[in-house]
Amino acid sequence: MEKKDRLFISIYNDYYGSLLTDYQRGLIDGYYNHDMSLSELAEEHGISPQGVRDALKRAERQLEGYESKLGLVEKNEKAMTYIQELKDVVDPKGQEILKRLADVLND
């Protein structure tokens, strides 16, 4: 998996992780955010590395499916682009409002 793909899975997990099971969320978090190996995760969860790999792939497909259907990551990126464009043409008070809006979108 390319570095870009790894980043997107981590981002998708931020948006849609609560839709996964605790087990899936834990695997995704360990593998993508804490750089744990398949063997480390397997030992932690009491399954084989192949079992971890299969569960990760299923969770990845679910996260990608959520983004495909809901598009929240893409919509957020577009909104942030528009906010940046607006910052160049509004007065200081408007810039403060745009900053607060960007903060809301980034939470």
PDB file of N, CA and C in Angstrom:
ATOM      1  N   MET A   1       0.843  -1.179   0.000  1.00  0.00           N
ATOM      2  CA  MET A   1       0.000   0.000   0.000  1.00  0.00           C
ATOM      3  C   MET A   1       0.887   1.241   0.000  1.00  0.00           C
ATOM      4  N   GLU A   2       0.562   2.170  -0.854  1.00  0.00           N
ATOM      5  CA  GLU A   2       1.336   3.399  -0.953  1.00  0.00           C
ATOM      6  C   GLU A   2       1.130   4.273   0.283  1.00  0.00           C
ATOM      7  N   LYS A   3       2.091   5.140   0.509  1.00  0.00           N
ATOM      8  CA  LYS A   3       2.019   6.047   1.661  1.00  0.00           C
ATOM      9  C   LYS A   3       0.746   6.900   1.601  1.00  0.00           C
ATOM     10  N   LYS A   4       0.380   7.350   0.395  1.00  0.00           N
ATOM     11  CA  LYS A   4      -0.826   8.166   0.229  1.00  0.00           C
ATOM     12  C   LYS A   4      -2.060   7.365   0.656  1.00  0.00           C
ATOM     13  N   ASP A   5      -2.132   6.097   0.255  1.00  0.00           N
ATOM     14  CA  ASP A   5      -3.267   5.260   0.626  1.00  0.00           C
ATOM     15  C   ASP A   5      -3.335   5.071   2.141  1.00  0.00           C
ATOM     16  N   ARG A   6      -2.174   4.897   2.773  1.00  0.00           N
ATOM     17  CA  ARG A   6      -2.121   4.738   4.237  1.00  0.00           C
ATOM     18  C   ARG A   6      -2.660   5.998   4.913  1.00  0.00           C
ATOM     19  N   LEU A   7      -2.304   7.145   4.382  1.00  0.00           N
ATOM     20  CA  LEU A   7      -2.780   8.403   4.948  1.00  0.00           C
ATOM     21  C   LEU A   7      -4.295   8.503   4.827  1.00  0.00           C
ATOM     22  N   PHE A   8      -4.833   8.126   3.671  1.00  0.00           N
ATOM     23  CA  PHE A   8      -6.276   8.220   3.482  1.00  0.00           C
ATOM     24  C   PHE A   8      -7.021   7.266   4.406  1.00  0.00           C
ATOM     25  N   ILE A   9      -6.505   6.064   4.632  1.00  0.00           N
ATOM     26  CA  ILE A   9      -7.166   5.144   5.555  1.00  0.00           C
ATOM     27  C   ILE A   9      -7.200   5.758   6.951  1.00  0.00           C
ATOM     28  N   SER A  10      -6.108   6.377   7.354  1.00  0.00           N
ATOM     29  CA  SER A  10      -6.059   7.024   8.665  1.00  0.00           C
ATOM     30  C   SER A  10      -7.067   8.173   8.738  1.00  0.00           C
ATOM     31  N   ILE A  11      -7.157   8.955   7.680  1.00  0.00           N
ATOM     32  CA  ILE A  11      -8.123  10.059   7.638  1.00  0.00           C
ATOM     33  C   ILE A  11      -9.552   9.513   7.640  1.00  0.00           C
ATOM     34  N   TYR A  12      -9.811   8.490   6.823  1.00  0.00           N
ATOM     35  CA  TYR A  12     -11.150   7.892   6.792  1.00  0.00           C
ATOM     36  C   TYR A  12     -11.521   7.361   8.174  1.00  0.00           C
ATOM     37  N   ASN A  13     -10.541   6.806   8.874  1.00  0.00           N
ATOM     38  CA  ASN A  13     -10.804   6.296  10.218  1.00  0.00           C
ATOM     39  C   ASN A  13     -11.201   7.437  11.163  1.00  0.00           C
ATOM     40  N   ASP A  14     -10.583   8.603  10.986  1.00  0.00           N
ATOM     41  CA  ASP A  14     -10.971   9.763  11.799  1.00  0.00           C
ATOM     42  C   ASP A  14     -12.437  10.125  11.571  1.00  0.00           C
ATOM     43  N   TYR A  15     -12.878  10.034  10.338  1.00  0.00           N
ATOM     44  CA  TYR A  15     -14.252  10.413   9.995  1.00  0.00           C
ATOM     45  C   TYR A  15     -15.258   9.316  10.292  1.00  0.00           C
ATOM     46  N   TYR A  16     -14.920   8.084   9.935  1.00  0.00           N
ATOM     47  CA  TYR A  16     -15.895   7.003   9.956  1.00  0.00           C
ATOM     48  C   TYR A  16     -15.577   5.886  10.945  1.00  0.00           C
ATOM     49  N   GLY A  17     -14.500   6.024  11.704  1.00  0.00           N
ATOM     50  CA  GLY A  17     -14.075   4.955  12.599  1.00  0.00           C
ATOM     51  C   GLY A  17     -15.143   4.515  13.592  1.00  0.00           C
ATOM     52  N   SER A  18     -15.978   5.437  14.012  1.00  0.00           N
ATOM     53  CA  SER A  18     -17.021   5.078  14.983  1.00  0.00           C
ATOM     54  C   SER A  18     -18.063   4.137  14.377  1.00  0.00           C
ATOM     55  N   LEU A  19     -18.061   3.992  13.063  1.00  0.00           N
ATOM     56  CA  LEU A  19     -18.981   3.063  12.404  1.00  0.00           C
ATOM     57  C   LEU A  19     -18.427   1.639  12.356  1.00  0.00           C
ATOM     58  N   LEU A  20     -17.148   1.484  12.693  1.00  0.00           N
ATOM     59  CA  LEU A  20     -16.518   0.164  12.744  1.00  0.00           C
ATOM     60  C   LEU A  20     -16.729  -0.448  14.121  1.00  0.00           C
ATOM     61  N   THR A  21     -16.471  -1.745  14.213  1.00  0.00           N
ATOM     62  CA  THR A  21     -16.504  -2.372  15.531  1.00  0.00           C
ATOM     63  C   THR A  21     -15.287  -1.904  16.330  1.00  0.00           C
ATOM     64  N   ASP A  22     -15.336  -2.063  17.633  1.00  0.00           N
ATOM     65  CA  ASP A  22     -14.187  -1.702  18.473  1.00  0.00           C
ATOM     66  C   ASP A  22     -12.949  -2.472  18.036  1.00  0.00           C
ATOM     67  N   TYR A  23     -13.137  -3.729  17.695  1.00  0.00           N
ATOM     68  CA  TYR A  23     -12.034  -4.583  17.241  1.00  0.00           C
ATOM     69  C   TYR A  23     -11.396  -4.023  15.967  1.00  0.00           C
ATOM     70  N   GLN A  24     -12.224  -3.710  14.978  1.00  0.00           N
ATOM     71  CA  GLN A  24     -11.708  -3.159  13.718  1.00  0.00           C
ATOM     72  C   GLN A  24     -11.025  -1.825  13.947  1.00  0.00           C
ATOM     73  N   ARG A  25     -11.647  -0.980  14.742  1.00  0.00           N
ATOM     74  CA  ARG A  25     -11.082   0.336  15.026  1.00  0.00           C
ATOM     75  C   ARG A  25      -9.727   0.192  15.709  1.00  0.00           C
ATOM     76  N   GLY A  26      -9.612  -0.766  16.631  1.00  0.00           N
ATOM     77  CA  GLY A  26      -8.349  -1.011  17.318  1.00  0.00           C
ATOM     78  C   GLY A  26      -7.264  -1.485  16.369  1.00  0.00           C
ATOM     79  N   LEU A  27      -7.619  -2.350  15.427  1.00  0.00           N
ATOM     80  CA  LEU A  27      -6.638  -2.823  14.442  1.00  0.00           C
ATOM     81  C   LEU A  27      -6.178  -1.687  13.544  1.00  0.00           C
ATOM     82  N   ILE A  28      -7.117  -0.913  13.042  1.00  0.00           N
ATOM     83  CA  ILE A  28      -6.776   0.218  12.166  1.00  0.00           C
ATOM     84  C   ILE A  28      -5.888   1.201  12.918  1.00  0.00           C
ATOM     85  N   ASP A  29      -6.265   1.524  14.140  1.00  0.00           N
ATOM     86  CA  ASP A  29      -5.491   2.474  14.935  1.00  0.00           C
ATOM     87  C   ASP A  29      -4.077   1.941  15.200  1.00  0.00           C
ATOM     88  N   GLY A  30      -3.971   0.701  15.590  1.00  0.00           N
ATOM     89  CA  GLY A  30      -2.661   0.121  15.865  1.00  0.00           C
ATOM     90  C   GLY A  30      -1.775   0.076  14.637  1.00  0.00           C
ATOM     91  N   TYR A  31      -2.346  -0.341  13.522  1.00  0.00           N
ATOM     92  CA  TYR A  31      -1.566  -0.518  12.295  1.00  0.00           C
ATOM     93  C   TYR A  31      -1.205   0.819  11.646  1.00  0.00           C
ATOM     94  N   TYR A  32      -2.176   1.711  11.534  1.00  0.00           N
ATOM     95  CA  TYR A  32      -1.947   2.953  10.786  1.00  0.00           C
ATOM     96  C   TYR A  32      -1.445   4.117  11.638  1.00  0.00           C
ATOM     97  N   ASN A  33      -1.888   4.193  12.886  1.00  0.00           N
ATOM     98  CA  ASN A  33      -1.500   5.338  13.709  1.00  0.00           C
ATOM     99  C   ASN A  33      -0.337   5.048  14.651  1.00  0.00           C
ATOM    100  N   HIS A  34      -0.150   3.779  14.986  1.00  0.00           N
ATOM    101  CA  HIS A  34       0.914   3.425  15.929  1.00  0.00           C
ATOM    102  C   HIS A  34       1.982   2.538  15.290  1.00  0.00           C
ATOM    103  N   ASP A  35       1.900   2.333  13.987  1.00  0.00           N
ATOM    104  CA  ASP A  35       2.889   1.573  13.223  1.00  0.00           C
ATOM    105  C   ASP A  35       3.179   0.197  13.809  1.00  0.00           C
ATOM    106  N   MET A  36       2.155  -0.449  14.333  1.00  0.00           N
ATOM    107  CA  MET A  36       2.334  -1.804  14.833  1.00  0.00           C
ATOM    108  C   MET A  36       2.363  -2.768  13.652  1.00  0.00           C
ATOM    109  N   SER A  37       3.131  -3.817  13.780  1.00  0.00           N
ATOM    110  CA  SER A  37       3.210  -4.823  12.712  1.00  0.00           C
ATOM    111  C   SER A  37       2.027  -5.787  12.824  1.00  0.00           C
ATOM    112  N   LEU A  38       1.821  -6.562  11.768  1.00  0.00           N
ATOM    113  CA  LEU A  38       0.772  -7.578  11.796  1.00  0.00           C
ATOM    114  C   LEU A  38       1.034  -8.570  12.923  1.00  0.00           C
ATOM    115  N   SER A  39       2.291  -8.926  13.121  1.00  0.00           N
ATOM    116  CA  SER A  39       2.654  -9.877  14.181  1.00  0.00           C
ATOM    117  C   SER A  39       2.349  -9.311  15.566  1.00  0.00           C
ATOM    118  N   GLU A  40       2.669  -8.044  15.763  1.00  0.00           N
ATOM    119  CA  GLU A  40       2.384  -7.411  17.058  1.00  0.00           C
ATOM    120  C   GLU A  40       0.885  -7.377  17.330  1.00  0.00           C
ATOM    121  N   LEU A  41       0.117  -7.006  16.318  1.00  0.00           N
ATOM    122  CA  LEU A  41      -1.333  -6.972  16.475  1.00  0.00           C
ATOM    123  C   LEU A  41      -1.893  -8.371  16.691  1.00  0.00           C
ATOM    124  N   ALA A  42      -1.346  -9.346  15.988  1.00  0.00           N
ATOM    125  CA  ALA A  42      -1.802 -10.731  16.134  1.00  0.00           C
ATOM    126  C   ALA A  42      -1.577 -11.215  17.559  1.00  0.00           C
ATOM    127  N   GLU A  43      -0.402 -10.930  18.094  1.00  0.00           N
ATOM    128  CA  GLU A  43      -0.092 -11.341  19.467  1.00  0.00           C
ATOM    129  C   GLU A  43      -1.025 -10.653  20.457  1.00  0.00           C
ATOM    130  N   GLU A  44      -1.258  -9.371  20.245  1.00  0.00           N
ATOM    131  CA  GLU A  44      -2.122  -8.604  21.139  1.00  0.00           C
ATOM    132  C   GLU A  44      -3.556  -9.120  21.137  1.00  0.00           C
ATOM    133  N   HIS A  45      -4.031  -9.563  19.958  1.00  0.00           N
ATOM    134  CA  HIS A  45      -5.428  -9.985  19.825  1.00  0.00           C
ATOM    135  C   HIS A  45      -5.617 -11.493  19.841  1.00  0.00           C
ATOM    136  N   GLY A  46      -4.515 -12.223  19.924  1.00  0.00           N
ATOM    137  CA  GLY A  46      -4.617 -13.676  20.015  1.00  0.00           C
ATOM    138  C   GLY A  46      -5.078 -14.362  18.744  1.00  0.00           C
ATOM    139  N   ILE A  47      -4.694 -13.794  17.604  1.00  0.00           N
ATOM    140  CA  ILE A  47      -5.024 -14.419  16.312  1.00  0.00           C
ATOM    141  C   ILE A  47      -3.763 -14.465  15.459  1.00  0.00           C
ATOM    142  N   SER A  48      -3.869 -15.051  14.281  1.00  0.00           N
ATOM    143  CA  SER A  48      -2.716 -15.144  13.390  1.00  0.00           C
ATOM    144  C   SER A  48      -2.488 -13.823  12.661  1.00  0.00           C
ATOM    145  N   PRO A  49      -1.254 -13.595  12.189  1.00  0.00           N
ATOM    146  CA  PRO A  49      -1.011 -12.391  11.377  1.00  0.00           C
ATOM    147  C   PRO A  49      -1.911 -12.340  10.144  1.00  0.00           C
ATOM    148  N   GLN A  50      -2.196 -13.514   9.552  1.00  0.00           N
ATOM    149  CA  GLN A  50      -3.090 -13.548   8.384  1.00  0.00           C
ATOM    150  C   GLN A  50      -4.502 -13.117   8.785  1.00  0.00           C
ATOM    151  N   GLY A  51      -4.926 -13.508   9.969  1.00  0.00           N
ATOM    152  CA  GLY A  51      -6.238 -13.088  10.464  1.00  0.00           C
ATOM    153  C   GLY A  51      -6.305 -11.581  10.656  1.00  0.00           C
ATOM    154  N   VAL A  52      -5.214 -11.006  11.167  1.00  0.00           N
ATOM    155  CA  VAL A  52      -5.142  -9.548  11.325  1.00  0.00           C
ATOM    156  C   VAL A  52      -5.214  -8.887   9.957  1.00  0.00           C
ATOM    157  N   ARG A  53      -4.434  -9.407   9.007  1.00  0.00           N
ATOM    158  CA  ARG A  53      -4.413  -8.830   7.658  1.00  0.00           C
ATOM    159  C   ARG A  53      -5.803  -8.857   7.040  1.00  0.00           C
ATOM    160  N   ASP A  54      -6.492  -9.999   7.160  1.00  0.00           N
ATOM    161  CA  ASP A  54      -7.838 -10.118   6.597  1.00  0.00           C
ATOM    162  C   ASP A  54      -8.809  -9.139   7.255  1.00  0.00           C
ATOM    163  N   ALA A  55      -8.721  -9.014   8.579  1.00  0.00           N
ATOM    164  CA  ALA A  55      -9.611  -8.091   9.295  1.00  0.00           C
ATOM    165  C   ALA A  55      -9.303  -6.648   8.919  1.00  0.00           C
ATOM    166  N   LEU A  56      -8.020  -6.316   8.752  1.00  0.00           N
ATOM    167  CA  LEU A  56      -7.638  -4.962   8.320  1.00  0.00           C
ATOM    168  C   LEU A  56      -8.194  -4.660   6.940  1.00  0.00           C
ATOM    169  N   LYS A  57      -8.062  -5.605   6.023  1.00  0.00           N
ATOM    170  CA  LYS A  57      -8.558  -5.389   4.655  1.00  0.00           C
ATOM    171  C   LYS A  57     -10.068  -5.162   4.648  1.00  0.00           C
ATOM    172  N   ARG A  58     -10.800  -5.944   5.463  1.00  0.00           N
ATOM    173  CA  ARG A  58     -12.255  -5.749   5.542  1.00  0.00           C
ATOM    174  C   ARG A  58     -12.583  -4.358   6.090  1.00  0.00           C
ATOM    175  N   ALA A  59     -11.874  -3.954   7.137  1.00  0.00           N
ATOM    176  CA  ALA A  59     -12.114  -2.628   7.730  1.00  0.00           C
ATOM    177  C   ALA A  59     -11.760  -1.521   6.744  1.00  0.00           C
ATOM    178  N   GLU A  60     -10.650  -1.686   6.016  1.00  0.00           N
ATOM    179  CA  GLU A  60     -10.257  -0.702   5.008  1.00  0.00           C
ATOM    180  C   GLU A  60     -11.336  -0.566   3.946  1.00  0.00           C
ATOM    181  N   ARG A  61     -11.848  -1.696   3.464  1.00  0.00           N
ATOM    182  CA  ARG A  61     -12.909  -1.653   2.446  1.00  0.00           C
ATOM    183  C   ARG A  61     -14.152  -0.945   2.985  1.00  0.00           C
ATOM    184  N   GLN A  62     -14.478  -1.188   4.249  1.00  0.00           N
ATOM    185  CA  GLN A  62     -15.635  -0.519   4.848  1.00  0.00           C
ATOM    186  C   GLN A  62     -15.419   0.987   4.891  1.00  0.00           C
ATOM    187  N   LEU A  63     -14.244   1.418   5.350  1.00  0.00           N
ATOM    188  CA  LEU A  63     -13.953   2.850   5.425  1.00  0.00           C
ATOM    189  C   LEU A  63     -14.007   3.486   4.042  1.00  0.00           C
ATOM    190  N   GLU A  64     -13.419   2.816   3.054  1.00  0.00           N
ATOM    191  CA  GLU A  64     -13.449   3.340   1.690  1.00  0.00           C
ATOM    192  C   GLU A  64     -14.879   3.379   1.151  1.00  0.00           C
ATOM    193  N   GLY A  65     -15.685   2.405   1.525  1.00  0.00           N
ATOM    194  CA  GLY A  65     -17.089   2.390   1.107  1.00  0.00           C
ATOM    195  C   GLY A  65     -17.873   3.542   1.713  1.00  0.00           C
ATOM    196  N   TYR A  66     -17.621   3.831   2.988  1.00  0.00           N
ATOM    197  CA  TYR A  66     -18.292   4.963   3.623  1.00  0.00           C
ATOM    198  C   TYR A  66     -17.936   6.266   2.907  1.00  0.00           C
ATOM    199  N   GLU A  67     -16.650   6.434   2.604  1.00  0.00           N
ATOM    200  CA  GLU A  67     -16.247   7.663   1.907  1.00  0.00           C
ATOM    201  C   GLU A  67     -16.857   7.709   0.515  1.00  0.00           C
ATOM    202  N   SER A  68     -16.911   6.566  -0.161  1.00  0.00           N
ATOM    203  CA  SER A  68     -17.498   6.518  -1.499  1.00  0.00           C
ATOM    204  C   SER A  68     -18.974   6.936  -1.467  1.00  0.00           C
ATOM    205  N   LYS A  69     -19.696   6.498  -0.434  1.00  0.00           N
ATOM    206  CA  LYS A  69     -21.121   6.804  -0.346  1.00  0.00           C
ATOM    207  C   LYS A  69     -21.390   8.188   0.237  1.00  0.00           C
ATOM    208  N   LEU A  70     -20.642   8.575   1.249  1.00  0.00           N
ATOM    209  CA  LEU A  70     -20.929   9.823   1.954  1.00  0.00           C
ATOM    210  C   LEU A  70     -20.066  10.996   1.515  1.00  0.00           C
ATOM    211  N   GLY A  71     -18.826  10.719   1.149  1.00  0.00           N
ATOM    212  CA  GLY A  71     -17.932  11.750   0.625  1.00  0.00           C
ATOM    213  C   GLY A  71     -17.570  12.867   1.590  1.00  0.00           C
ATOM    214  N   LEU A  72     -17.577  12.594   2.883  1.00  0.00           N
ATOM    215  CA  LEU A  72     -17.315  13.653   3.856  1.00  0.00           C
ATOM    216  C   LEU A  72     -15.895  14.207   3.783  1.00  0.00           C
ATOM    217  N   VAL A  73     -14.922  13.346   3.532  1.00  0.00           N
ATOM    218  CA  VAL A  73     -13.535  13.809   3.437  1.00  0.00           C
ATOM    219  C   VAL A  73     -13.377  14.731   2.235  1.00  0.00           C
ATOM    220  N   GLU A  74     -13.903  14.309   1.104  1.00  0.00           N
ATOM    221  CA  GLU A  74     -13.805  15.131  -0.111  1.00  0.00           C
ATOM    222  C   GLU A  74     -14.541  16.465   0.060  1.00  0.00           C
ATOM    223  N   LYS A  75     -15.735  16.428   0.664  1.00  0.00           N
ATOM    224  CA  LYS A  75     -16.493  17.659   0.879  1.00  0.00           C
ATOM    225  C   LYS A  75     -15.749  18.605   1.816  1.00  0.00           C
ATOM    226  N   ASN A  76     -15.131  18.058   2.857  1.00  0.00           N
ATOM    227  CA  ASN A  76     -14.376  18.885   3.788  1.00  0.00           C
ATOM    228  C   ASN A  76     -13.186  19.533   3.092  1.00  0.00           C
ATOM    229  N   GLU A  77     -12.484  18.774   2.255  1.00  0.00           N
ATOM    230  CA  GLU A  77     -11.334  19.334   1.526  1.00  0.00           C
ATOM    231  C   GLU A  77     -11.769  20.468   0.603  1.00  0.00           C
ATOM    232  N   LYS A  78     -12.896  20.304  -0.078  1.00  0.00           N
ATOM    233  CA  LYS A  78     -13.411  21.360  -0.951  1.00  0.00           C
ATOM    234  C   LYS A  78     -13.798  22.594  -0.141  1.00  0.00           C
ATOM    235  N   ALA A  79     -14.473  22.378   0.979  1.00  0.00           N
ATOM    236  CA  ALA A  79     -14.881  23.509   1.822  1.00  0.00           C
ATOM    237  C   ALA A  79     -13.658  24.278   2.316  1.00  0.00           C
ATOM    238  N   MET A  80     -12.609  23.566   2.705  1.00  0.00           N
ATOM    239  CA  MET A  80     -11.392  24.225   3.188  1.00  0.00           C
ATOM    240  C   MET A  80     -10.736  25.030   2.058  1.00  0.00           C
ATOM    241  N   THR A  81     -10.788  24.524   0.850  1.00  0.00           N
ATOM    242  CA  THR A  81     -10.247  25.252  -0.299  1.00  0.00           C
ATOM    243  C   THR A  81     -11.017  26.556  -0.514  1.00  0.00           C
ATOM    244  N   TYR A  82     -12.338  26.486  -0.442  1.00  0.00           N
ATOM    245  CA  TYR A  82     -13.157  27.689  -0.615  1.00  0.00           C
ATOM    246  C   TYR A  82     -12.915  28.693   0.511  1.00  0.00           C
ATOM    247  N   ILE A  83     -12.744  28.201   1.709  1.00  0.00           N
ATOM    248  CA  ILE A  83     -12.454  29.089   2.837  1.00  0.00           C
ATOM    249  C   ILE A  83     -11.143  29.833   2.606  1.00  0.00           C
ATOM    250  N   GLN A  84     -10.131  29.113   2.130  1.00  0.00           N
ATOM    251  CA  GLN A  84      -8.840  29.752   1.858  1.00  0.00           C
ATOM    252  C   GLN A  84      -8.984  30.824   0.782  1.00  0.00           C
ATOM    253  N   GLU A  85      -9.758  30.537  -0.253  1.00  0.00           N
ATOM    254  CA  GLU A  85      -9.970  31.526  -1.314  1.00  0.00           C
ATOM    255  C   GLU A  85     -10.690  32.760  -0.772  1.00  0.00           C
ATOM    256  N   LEU A  86     -11.675  32.554   0.066  1.00  0.00           N
ATOM    257  CA  LEU A  86     -12.434  33.675   0.629  1.00  0.00           C
ATOM    258  C   LEU A  86     -11.588  34.544   1.550  1.00  0.00           C
ATOM    259  N   LYS A  87     -10.650  33.953   2.253  1.00  0.00           N
ATOM    260  CA  LYS A  87      -9.809  34.722   3.179  1.00  0.00           C
ATOM    261  C   LYS A  87      -9.070  35.856   2.470  1.00  0.00           C
ATOM    262  N   ASP A  88      -8.786  35.665   1.185  1.00  0.00           N
ATOM    263  CA  ASP A  88      -8.063  36.677   0.421  1.00  0.00           C
ATOM    264  C   ASP A  88      -8.940  37.863   0.021  1.00  0.00           C
ATOM    265  N   VAL A  89     -10.258  37.727   0.098  1.00  0.00           N
ATOM    266  CA  VAL A  89     -11.125  38.789  -0.417  1.00  0.00           C
ATOM    267  C   VAL A  89     -12.067  39.391   0.618  1.00  0.00           C
ATOM    268  N   VAL A  90     -12.006  38.928   1.863  1.00  0.00           N
ATOM    269  CA  VAL A  90     -12.906  39.485   2.872  1.00  0.00           C
ATOM    270  C   VAL A  90     -12.138  40.367   3.862  1.00  0.00           C
ATOM    271  N   ASP A  91     -12.888  41.183   4.573  1.00  0.00           N
ATOM    272  CA  ASP A  91     -12.283  42.077   5.567  1.00  0.00           C
ATOM    273  C   ASP A  91     -11.825  41.266   6.791  1.00  0.00           C
ATOM    274  N   PRO A  92     -11.100  41.894   7.698  1.00  0.00           N
ATOM    275  CA  PRO A  92     -10.584  41.171   8.877  1.00  0.00           C
ATOM    276  C   PRO A  92     -11.669  40.470   9.704  1.00  0.00           C
ATOM    277  N   LYS A  93     -12.842  41.100   9.852  1.00  0.00           N
ATOM    278  CA  LYS A  93     -13.917  40.453  10.611  1.00  0.00           C
ATOM    279  C   LYS A  93     -14.368  39.173   9.896  1.00  0.00           C
ATOM    280  N   GLY A  94     -14.491  39.250   8.578  1.00  0.00           N
ATOM    281  CA  GLY A  94     -14.856  38.075   7.793  1.00  0.00           C
ATOM    282  C   GLY A  94     -13.791  36.992   7.881  1.00  0.00           C
ATOM    283  N   GLN A  95     -12.520  37.406   7.920  1.00  0.00           N
ATOM    284  CA  GLN A  95     -11.434  36.436   8.043  1.00  0.00           C
ATOM    285  C   GLN A  95     -11.521  35.694   9.377  1.00  0.00           C
ATOM    286  N   GLU A  96     -11.889  36.400  10.433  1.00  0.00           N
ATOM    287  CA  GLU A  96     -12.037  35.748  11.742  1.00  0.00           C
ATOM    288  C   GLU A  96     -13.165  34.722  11.706  1.00  0.00           C
ATOM    289  N   ILE A  97     -14.264  35.071  11.056  1.00  0.00           N
ATOM    290  CA  ILE A  97     -15.390  34.138  10.927  1.00  0.00           C
ATOM    291  C   ILE A  97     -14.961  32.912  10.122  1.00  0.00           C
ATOM    292  N   LEU A  98     -14.225  33.132   9.041  1.00  0.00           N
ATOM    293  CA  LEU A  98     -13.740  32.009   8.227  1.00  0.00           C
ATOM    294  C   LEU A  98     -12.783  31.125   9.020  1.00  0.00           C
ATOM    295  N   LYS A  99     -11.968  31.742   9.864  1.00  0.00           N
ATOM    296  CA  LYS A  99     -11.051  30.965  10.701  1.00  0.00           C
ATOM    297  C   LYS A  99     -11.843  30.068  11.648  1.00  0.00           C
ATOM    298  N   ARG A 100     -12.894  30.606  12.262  1.00  0.00           N
ATOM    299  CA  ARG A 100     -13.716  29.811  13.169  1.00  0.00           C
ATOM    300  C   ARG A 100     -14.414  28.678  12.420  1.00  0.00           C
ATOM    301  N   LEU A 101     -14.872  28.965  11.202  1.00  0.00           N
ATOM    302  CA  LEU A 101     -15.496  27.935  10.380  1.00  0.00           C
ATOM    303  C   LEU A 101     -14.497  26.813  10.056  1.00  0.00           C
ATOM    304  N   ALA A 102     -13.291  27.198   9.691  1.00  0.00           N
ATOM    305  CA  ALA A 102     -12.245  26.204   9.390  1.00  0.00           C
ATOM    306  C   ALA A 102     -11.955  25.368  10.625  1.00  0.00           C
ATOM    307  N   ASP A 103     -11.923  25.992  11.793  1.00  0.00           N
ATOM    308  CA  ASP A 103     -11.687  25.257  13.036  1.00  0.00           C
ATOM    309  C   ASP A 103     -12.785  24.213  13.289  1.00  0.00           C
ATOM    310  N   VAL A 104     -14.032  24.608  13.016  1.00  0.00           N
ATOM    311  CA  VAL A 104     -15.150  23.676  13.179  1.00  0.00           C
ATOM    312  C   VAL A 104     -14.990  22.492  12.235  1.00  0.00           C
ATOM    313  N   LEU A 105     -14.630  22.765  10.996  1.00  0.00           N
ATOM    314  CA  LEU A 105     -14.482  21.685  10.023  1.00  0.00           C
ATOM    315  C   LEU A 105     -13.303  20.768  10.352  1.00  0.00           C
ATOM    316  N   ASN A 106     -12.287  21.290  10.993  1.00  0.00           N
ATOM    317  CA  ASN A 106     -11.112  20.486  11.303  1.00  0.00           C
ATOM    318  C   ASN A 106     -11.238  19.702  12.598  1.00  0.00           C
ATOM    319  N   ASP A 107     -12.262  19.987  13.409  1.00  0.00           N
ATOM    320  CA  ASP A 107     -12.446  19.226  14.658  1.00  0.00           C
ATOM    321  C   ASP A 107     -12.986  17.853  14.413  1.00  0.00           C
TER     322      ASP A 107
END
